[in-house]
Protein backbone atom coordinates (compact mmCIF):
# COMPACT_ATOMS: atom_id res chain seq x y z
CA MET A 1 121.52 41.95 93.84
CA SER A 2 118.55 44.31 93.78
CA GLY A 3 116.15 44.55 90.85
CA VAL A 4 117.67 47.90 89.81
CA GLN A 5 121.18 46.47 89.96
CA MET A 6 120.07 43.43 87.93
CA ARG A 7 118.50 45.61 85.22
CA LEU A 8 121.63 47.79 85.11
CA ALA A 9 123.85 44.71 84.78
CA LEU A 10 121.65 43.32 81.99
CA ALA A 11 121.67 46.68 80.22
CA LEU A 12 125.47 46.74 80.36
CA VAL A 13 125.70 43.22 78.96
CA VAL A 14 123.31 44.11 76.12
CA ALA A 15 125.28 47.28 75.36
CA PHE A 16 128.53 45.28 75.29
CA LEU A 17 127.07 42.61 73.02
CA LEU A 18 125.66 45.21 70.65
CA ALA A 19 129.01 47.00 70.47
CA GLU A 20 131.06 43.82 70.12
CA ASN A 21 128.68 41.66 68.08
CA SER A 22 131.17 39.42 66.35
CA PHE A 23 129.08 36.33 67.11
CA GLY A 24 126.92 36.64 64.00
CA GLN A 25 123.86 36.11 66.23
CA ASN A 26 121.23 38.33 67.74
CA PRO A 27 122.84 39.53 70.99
CA LEU A 28 119.48 39.62 72.72
CA SER A 29 119.05 35.92 71.95
CA ILE A 30 122.43 35.21 73.52
CA LEU A 31 121.49 37.24 76.59
CA GLY A 32 118.14 35.48 76.81
CA LYS A 33 119.85 32.09 76.85
CA VAL A 34 122.23 33.18 79.63
CA VAL A 35 119.41 34.58 81.77
CA THR A 36 117.16 31.59 81.02
CA THR A 37 119.81 29.05 81.97
CA SER A 38 120.56 30.77 85.27
CA MET A 39 116.86 30.87 86.24
CA ASP A 40 115.96 27.33 85.12
CA VAL A 41 115.11 24.98 88.01
CA ARG A 42 116.26 21.91 86.09
CA THR A 43 119.69 20.32 86.31
CA LYS A 44 121.87 20.24 83.20
CA ALA A 45 121.12 16.52 82.89
CA GLU A 46 117.37 17.25 82.95
CA VAL A 47 117.73 20.00 80.33
CA THR A 48 119.66 17.58 78.11
CA ALA A 49 117.13 14.80 78.64
CA ASP A 50 114.23 17.18 77.94
CA THR A 51 115.82 18.32 74.70
CA GLU A 52 116.45 14.74 73.62
CA ILE A 53 112.93 13.61 74.58
CA GLY A 54 111.32 16.47 72.65
CA ALA A 55 113.55 16.06 69.60
CA GLY A 56 113.09 12.28 69.59
CA ALA A 57 109.30 12.57 69.81
CA SER A 58 109.25 15.11 66.97
CA LYS A 59 111.47 12.91 64.80
CA ARG A 60 109.32 9.82 65.42
CA LEU A 61 106.18 11.79 64.59
CA LEU A 62 107.76 13.16 61.41
CA ASP A 63 108.87 9.68 60.38
CA ASP A 64 105.40 8.21 60.98
CA LYS A 65 103.27 8.73 57.88
CA LYS A 66 100.02 7.69 59.60
CA SER A 67 100.14 9.96 62.64
CA GLU A 68 98.92 13.15 60.90
CA TRP A 69 100.57 15.06 63.70
CA ALA A 70 100.47 18.61 62.29
CA GLY A 71 99.29 20.93 65.03
CA VAL A 72 100.60 18.80 67.89
CA ALA A 73 102.91 20.35 70.49
CA VAL A 74 105.12 18.12 72.63
CA MET A 75 106.02 20.08 75.76
CA VAL A 76 108.73 18.63 77.99
CA PHE A 77 109.93 19.86 81.37
CA ALA A 78 111.99 17.78 83.84
CA GLN A 79 111.08 14.66 81.83
CA HIS A 80 107.35 15.26 82.32
CA VAL A 81 105.56 15.49 78.96
CA VAL A 82 102.28 17.11 77.99
CA ILE A 83 100.97 16.70 74.44
CA ALA A 84 98.65 19.48 73.27
CA GLY A 85 97.02 20.52 70.02
CA ALA A 86 94.39 19.07 67.73
CA VAL A 87 94.22 15.89 65.65
CA LYS A 88 91.65 14.63 63.15
CA SER A 89 90.40 11.52 64.96
CA ALA A 90 90.54 9.46 68.14
CA GLU A 91 92.68 6.90 66.29
CA VAL A 92 95.26 9.55 65.37
CA LYS A 93 95.21 10.83 68.98
CA LYS A 94 96.05 7.35 70.30
CA ARG A 95 98.76 6.87 67.65
CA VAL A 96 100.42 10.19 68.53
CA GLU A 97 100.31 9.35 72.25
CA ASP A 98 101.84 5.91 71.61
CA ILE A 99 104.61 7.36 69.45
CA VAL A 100 105.56 10.00 72.01
CA ARG A 101 105.37 7.50 74.92
CA GLN A 102 108.16 5.35 73.38
CA ASP A 103 110.93 7.21 75.24
CA LYS A 104 111.52 5.34 78.51
CA ARG A 105 112.97 8.43 80.22
CA ILE A 106 109.52 10.07 80.35
CA ARG A 107 108.40 10.31 83.99
CA SER A 108 104.79 11.16 83.16
CA LEU A 109 102.82 11.77 79.98
CA THR A 110 99.56 13.71 79.85
CA SER A 111 97.58 14.10 76.66
CA GLU A 112 95.48 17.22 76.18
CA LEU A 113 94.98 16.53 72.47
CA LEU A 114 91.65 17.73 71.11
CA VAL A 115 89.90 15.77 68.38
CA GLY A 116 88.50 17.75 65.46
CA ASN A 117 89.30 20.86 63.47
CA VAL A 118 89.43 23.40 66.30
CA ALA A 119 92.73 25.14 65.62
CA SER A 120 93.66 28.30 63.78
CA LEU A 121 97.43 28.55 63.41
CA ALA A 122 97.47 32.35 63.15
CA ARG A 123 95.16 32.90 66.15
CA ASP A 124 96.89 30.25 68.24
CA THR A 125 100.35 31.65 67.48
CA ALA A 126 99.21 35.17 68.38
CA LEU A 127 97.64 33.89 71.60
CA GLU A 128 100.82 32.03 72.57
CA ALA A 129 102.85 35.21 71.93
CA GLU A 130 100.47 37.19 74.14
CA ILE A 131 100.75 34.57 76.90
CA ASN A 132 104.53 34.76 76.61
CA ALA A 133 104.50 38.55 76.90
CA SER A 134 102.13 38.51 79.87
CA LEU A 135 103.94 35.82 81.86
CA THR A 136 107.40 37.17 81.09
CA ALA A 137 106.46 40.70 82.16
CA THR A 138 104.73 39.73 85.41
CA LYS A 139 106.76 40.04 88.58
CA GLY A 140 106.51 36.85 90.60
CA ILE A 141 106.28 34.50 87.60
CA SER A 142 109.35 32.61 86.43
CA SER A 143 108.02 31.78 82.99
CA VAL A 144 111.30 30.12 82.01
CA ASN A 145 110.10 27.12 84.02
CA MET A 146 106.77 26.92 82.19
CA ARG A 147 105.60 25.76 78.77
CA TRP A 148 102.27 26.55 77.10
CA SER A 149 100.34 25.76 73.97
CA ALA A 150 97.12 27.24 72.59
CA THR A 151 94.65 25.40 70.34
CA GLY A 152 91.46 27.18 69.39
CA GLY A 153 91.59 29.26 72.57
CA HIS A 154 92.17 26.21 74.77
CA VAL A 155 95.46 26.73 76.62
CA VAL A 156 97.58 24.02 78.19
CA LEU A 157 100.16 25.14 80.75
CA MET A 158 102.84 22.84 82.17
CA GLY A 159 106.13 22.99 84.00
CA VAL A 160 107.11 24.16 87.47
CA ALA A 161 105.97 26.95 89.76
CA ARG A 162 107.94 27.85 92.89
CA SER A 163 104.76 28.31 94.95
CA GLN A 164 100.99 28.00 94.82
CA GLN A 165 100.89 31.81 94.56
CA GLU A 166 103.05 31.74 91.42
CA SER A 167 100.85 29.03 89.92
CA SER A 168 97.67 30.97 90.70
CA LEU A 169 99.12 34.21 89.34
CA ALA A 170 100.15 32.53 86.07
CA LEU A 171 96.66 31.06 85.64
CA GLN A 172 95.06 34.42 86.44
CA LYS A 173 97.22 36.19 83.85
CA ILE A 174 96.45 33.62 81.15
CA ARG A 175 92.70 33.60 81.87
CA GLY A 176 92.69 37.40 81.58
CA ILE A 177 93.88 37.33 77.97
CA LYS A 178 91.26 37.92 75.31
CA GLY A 179 90.64 34.79 73.27
CA VAL A 180 91.45 32.31 76.04
CA ARG A 181 88.48 29.96 76.39
CA ASP A 182 89.89 27.71 79.11
CA VAL A 183 93.18 26.70 80.72
CA LYS A 184 94.32 23.23 81.73
CA ALA A 185 97.24 23.50 84.10
CA HIS A 186 99.85 20.83 84.74
CA LEU A 187 102.17 22.81 86.98
CA ARG A 188 104.13 21.04 89.69
CA ILE A 189 105.00 23.09 92.77
CA VAL A 190 108.74 22.89 93.46
CA PRO A 191 109.82 25.37 96.15
CA ALA A 192 113.10 27.22 95.63
CA LYS A 193 116.11 25.63 97.29
CA LYS A 194 117.38 27.59 100.25
């Protein structure tokens, strides 16, 4: 299916959902989930495991009164985990890492937690939205297979790229955004199956 045919098909689906919106949900959200699922490189089992790993880590952090985890993002893709954000001290950083690491299904865990008060929720949220817009709009980047987090202009990118070119393009796009101070990339290259 050509790009024009794909856009036409998506436009027809959106038009249908808008006309027949008996779901009680935003039809664009429904469409986004359908498109996202079809483009995701993970198996259904990996998607399920990722969801459970992320939810479990969040619950354990919420239940732990000593972790002071506010501002921590747990990004999971294909059972690889990257923790990003800012915490108050080295002790809290270690505690958060230990709490997240408890799930035995995690294949790898990388901590990019910063120590100190470096975050601004409003600026970081705006920066993440700009990254989302840039990666989503760029031809040659399958952003559905990537996760990112911004903390004080420090961006952490993780997930899967289909090629070194896709990885390089994603990094170039992120580095070109005003307010990005640096980017730490944890992208695995997984070529498309033929």
